[in-house]
Amino acid sequence: MTIIDEILTCANQLANAGKKPTVALVKAKLSQTVPLATLITTLKNWQHQPDFITPINDKKQQVNQALSTNDTSALIDSLLKNGAIKKMIQQSLAQELTEMKNDLAEVKILILNLTEQLNQKR
């Protein structure tokens, strides 16, 4: 758990107990020292989340992160091998190019219309 998570957990515990989480109260509950600026900034941005009160098991979190990283890496490797990413990018670029061409054609028509209107007023 990061120090910011610990600060948020302490603040939520205090708020759940009906106390306003002040710098002093939160600092007293922390298991490690923290720079005052970090504590103040975190408390300024804190919003009460009643359920965020217990620390996440670090080992469980690390395992979940490792599995997620492995799954993501495997997915990216698979997409790269079969060329799916390249196809998706090409399709996206083709679609964007078509839209830009259509927009440009509309702009040209508008310019022609405005030019004709200006010439008629002269």
Protein backbone atom coordinates (compact mmCIF):
# COMPACT_ATOMS: atom_id res chain seq x y z
CA MET A 1 0.00 0.00 0.00
CA THR A 2 1.34 3.42 -0.89
CA ILE A 3 1.60 6.19 1.67
CA ILE A 4 -1.19 8.05 -0.14
CA ASP A 5 -3.45 4.98 0.20
CA GLU A 6 -2.62 4.85 3.89
CA ILE A 7 -3.48 8.55 4.30
CA LEU A 8 -6.78 8.04 2.47
CA THR A 9 -7.57 4.97 4.57
CA CYS A 10 -6.91 6.87 7.81
CA ALA A 11 -9.02 9.81 6.64
CA ASN A 12 -11.92 7.50 5.77
CA GLN A 13 -11.66 5.69 9.10
CA LEU A 14 -11.79 9.01 10.96
CA ALA A 15 -14.71 10.25 8.88
CA ASN A 16 -16.57 6.97 9.44
CA ALA A 17 -16.08 7.51 13.19
CA GLY A 18 -17.66 10.96 12.88
CA LYS A 19 -14.39 12.89 13.22
CA LYS A 20 -13.03 15.43 10.78
CA PRO A 21 -9.75 14.07 9.36
CA THR A 22 -7.27 16.80 10.27
CA VAL A 23 -3.56 16.74 9.49
CA ALA A 24 -2.75 16.03 13.13
CA LEU A 25 -5.27 13.19 13.51
CA VAL A 26 -4.22 11.48 10.28
CA LYS A 27 -0.51 11.94 11.01
CA ALA A 28 -0.97 10.27 14.40
CA LYS A 29 -2.58 7.20 12.79
CA LEU A 30 0.06 6.68 10.06
CA SER A 31 2.48 3.77 10.40
CA GLN A 32 5.35 5.71 8.82
CA THR A 33 6.51 9.29 8.62
CA VAL A 34 5.35 11.26 5.63
CA PRO A 35 6.34 14.68 4.32
CA LEU A 36 3.89 17.28 5.55
CA ALA A 37 3.33 18.57 2.00
CA THR A 38 2.24 15.10 0.85
CA LEU A 39 -0.12 14.75 3.78
CA ILE A 40 -1.69 18.18 3.25
CA THR A 41 -2.04 17.76 -0.52
CA THR A 42 -3.59 14.32 -0.14
CA LEU A 43 -6.07 15.55 2.47
CA LYS A 44 -7.00 18.55 0.31
CA ASN A 45 -7.89 16.19 -2.54
CA TRP A 46 -9.49 13.57 -0.29
CA GLN A 47 -13.14 12.69 -0.74
CA HIS A 48 -14.89 10.45 1.75
CA GLN A 49 -15.12 6.87 0.54
CA PRO A 50 -16.65 4.94 3.46
CA ASP A 51 -15.62 1.51 2.09
CA PHE A 52 -11.95 2.42 1.56
CA ILE A 53 -10.87 1.70 5.13
CA THR A 54 -8.77 -1.44 5.12
CA PRO A 55 -5.36 -1.84 3.58
CA ILE A 56 -5.11 -4.11 0.57
CA ASN A 57 -2.97 -7.18 1.11
CA ASP A 58 0.29 -6.24 -0.63
CA LYS A 59 1.08 -9.80 -1.72
CA LYS A 60 -2.38 -10.29 -3.18
CA GLN A 61 -2.12 -6.92 -4.95
CA GLN A 62 1.31 -7.81 -6.35
CA VAL A 63 0.04 -11.16 -7.64
CA ASN A 64 -2.97 -9.48 -9.27
CA GLN A 65 -0.72 -6.86 -10.87
CA ALA A 66 1.67 -9.56 -12.16
CA LEU A 67 -1.21 -11.56 -13.64
CA SER A 68 -2.66 -8.45 -15.23
CA THR A 69 0.74 -7.52 -16.68
CA ASN A 70 1.23 -11.04 -18.04
CA ASP A 71 -2.26 -11.09 -19.58
CA THR A 72 -1.71 -7.68 -21.17
CA SER A 73 1.70 -8.69 -22.52
CA ALA A 74 0.28 -11.91 -23.96
CA LEU A 75 -2.57 -10.02 -25.60
CA ILE A 76 -0.23 -7.45 -27.14
CA ASP A 77 2.10 -10.20 -28.41
CA SER A 78 -0.84 -12.03 -29.94
CA LEU A 79 -2.17 -8.90 -31.63
CA LEU A 80 1.26 -8.04 -32.99
CA LYS A 81 1.86 -11.54 -34.35
CA ASN A 82 -1.37 -11.76 -36.31
CA GLY A 83 -1.18 -8.16 -37.53
CA ALA A 84 -4.44 -7.13 -35.89
CA ILE A 85 -3.01 -3.90 -34.51
CA LYS A 86 -1.65 -2.88 -37.90
CA LYS A 87 -5.03 -3.60 -39.51
CA MET A 88 -6.87 -1.62 -36.83
CA ILE A 89 -4.54 1.35 -37.28
CA GLN A 90 -4.88 1.23 -41.05
CA GLN A 91 -8.67 1.07 -40.82
CA SER A 92 -8.76 3.94 -38.37
CA LEU A 93 -6.48 6.06 -40.52
CA ALA A 94 -8.52 5.28 -43.65
CA GLN A 95 -11.71 6.30 -41.87
CA GLU A 96 -10.16 9.53 -40.60
CA LEU A 97 -8.78 10.33 -44.05
CA THR A 98 -12.20 9.79 -45.63
CA GLU A 99 -13.81 12.11 -43.08
CA MET A 100 -11.15 14.75 -43.69
CA LYS A 101 -11.67 14.52 -47.47
CA ASN A 102 -15.42 14.95 -47.00
CA ASP A 103 -14.87 17.95 -44.73
CA LEU A 104 -12.48 19.48 -47.24
CA ALA A 105 -15.01 19.01 -50.05
CA GLU A 106 -17.65 20.78 -47.94
CA VAL A 107 -15.27 23.66 -47.24
CA LYS A 108 -14.51 24.01 -50.95
CA ILE A 109 -18.23 24.17 -51.75
CA LEU A 110 -18.77 26.79 -49.06
CA ILE A 111 -15.88 28.88 -50.41
CA LEU A 112 -17.28 28.66 -53.93
CA ASN A 113 -20.71 29.72 -52.69
CA LEU A 114 -19.28 32.65 -50.75
CA THR A 115 -17.19 33.71 -53.75
CA GLU A 116 -20.28 33.65 -55.97
CA GLN A 117 -22.23 35.71 -53.43
CA LEU A 118 -19.43 38.28 -53.24
CA ASN A 119 -19.24 38.52 -57.02
CA GLN A 120 -23.03 39.05 -57.28
CA LYS A 121 -22.88 41.96 -54.81
CA ARG A 122 -20.28 43.78 -56.88
